[in-house]
């Protein structure tokens, strides 16, 4: 085994260790809470529907103007959760045990995403194999990135977007490779055919038969490419920007050769539109049934109106986001943020290598050194376009978050993995270090106490108080608490009594989110709830408990606000560690006279989420 083979074998061993790490980090699980959309655009909705839970259905899933398609999240998570529900029923009936708990509901969808993320690995391997490239470096860079270790195991629509882009690029590159081989042979046959002339009819007939026997390549993978593109657009309409370079390359395969003309191009366009329309129709029907715009009765009687019985969620998404006033509700950012901040934050040295590669191409274009540019119909050109076009397209919109760029990790890894690993030792070490830090921050520390809080509310029984009891949770300076983990039954759920009567259970657990309004606002809300609870006790004898959850770094402000509102907290507090709210950063204190240990403990408590019960001083 020579040095290069030994290095490749070493990279593959590291890669398989990272594969195991990806599974391990999924099962632990990671409690880091990156962004609310991780839950509220997927698992919160699916689990709520399947288990009939009291969940927070965000505005994007309202029936009046839905912006999100349910086809992909229900396909990915609905099936395993339905199997879990069925298995749980059997186990409960036979053993009296339950399989449905906060841990399982958290891990099962993430395990699905973890398995799906390996589609990206396979696509990278397949693309390298098709073009005779070294796949070990590409796989190692992708697997070691926190994009795979963290985002790849989370239930983001952006993770689906990354997977779908990898599939689309693999299909297009496979089509390009196949077309190159067929067109090369066909051009040779055409050249020989024309050189023979009419005086050699037998030989020309043989060449004509040989040409007709060549495998078809014009519409290769057309149905799959159309389906993946449409599913990606229904998942996130921004996928159109990611897919544009791949579709352009697929449509223009072989153009300029003697074997491919404009008739082939128009045939490809027509085929792509045909299969795309069928795919879109299926997804529109799924969404229309789910949101109640269409029923089987209307479909069977053909009493259908296009304007009232169908909902096209990508269109609603574009209409909503085309209004700057709507985007202001989610935060407006400078249009350079993706290029200057978000891309380096997501990809680190890989982003720098990508920028240098694009800058090199731009310099050749300006200097008109056309011979130094990659061929238009090449894998390198496609991958560079798959980085530049989506990055510029997404920069048009004033609402920009780092995760929106997640799919770019696939073309960047294909293009510049060798640069990151083999160029300089310090660059390779920087890559590993930055991804390790990002893994710890986003995977475990950032808002890490929130999922632990939700699980505790279920495990302690606080989320399901007894009749004539109520529990209120007031949160401050933390992300929205996912409700599906608490397993609170939906108030609309219908129960059947032993005598056959149907009944519903009123909501007894309430969550009050105050966001970043300030600790004073959260305490005021708790005070108002306690006053109402006092009235309910006097009139109806309804018992009530009120809890406040806030970052440990806000504890001193919380205590001051309690005193101002004549409130007190119970002696016992519950802390969930680790937790960091960037909106409420810890206050680094100087070491106290009590000693080093006391100072370290007090400072470390700021990296926790605090849950405490409060009450009015006058009523205790």
Foldseek 3Di string as FASTA:
>chain_A
DDPVVVVLVVLVVLLVVLLVLLLVCLLVDQLFDQAVLLCQVALLVLLCVLLQFAFDNDPCPALVQHQAFHVVRCVQPVVVVNVQVVVQVVCCVPPVDGPDALSCSRRVSLSSLLVLLCLLLVLLVLLCVLVVHSSSLLSSLVSLFLLCSPVSSTRHLLNVLLSLLSVLLSQLSVLLSLLVVLLVVLLVLVVVLVVVPPVCVVVNVVSVVVNVPGDDRLCRCLLVNLLSQLVNCSSPVLSCLLCVLSVVLSLCRPPPGPVDDVVSSVVSVVSSVVSNVVNQVVSQVSRLVVSVQADPVCVVVVVDDPVRRTHRSSVSNCVQQVDVVNVVVVPFAQLCCLVPPLQCLRQPPLSVVLVVVVVVQVVCVVVVVVVPHPDCNDSLNSLNSSQPRSSNVVSVRRDDDSSNNSSNSSSSSSHCSCVQCPVDPVSVVVSSVSSVVVCCCNRHQELSQQSVVLSCCQVVCVQPDDPLEAEEEQEELGHDRTNSNNRHRHQPDWDADPVGDIDGDDGRYYYHYPYHPDLLVSVVVQLVVQVVQVVCCVPPVRHYWYKYKYALQCVVVNVVSQVVSQKDWDPDKDKAPQYARPSRHHDQDDDDPVDDVVSVVSRRSNRIMIMIIMHHPVPD
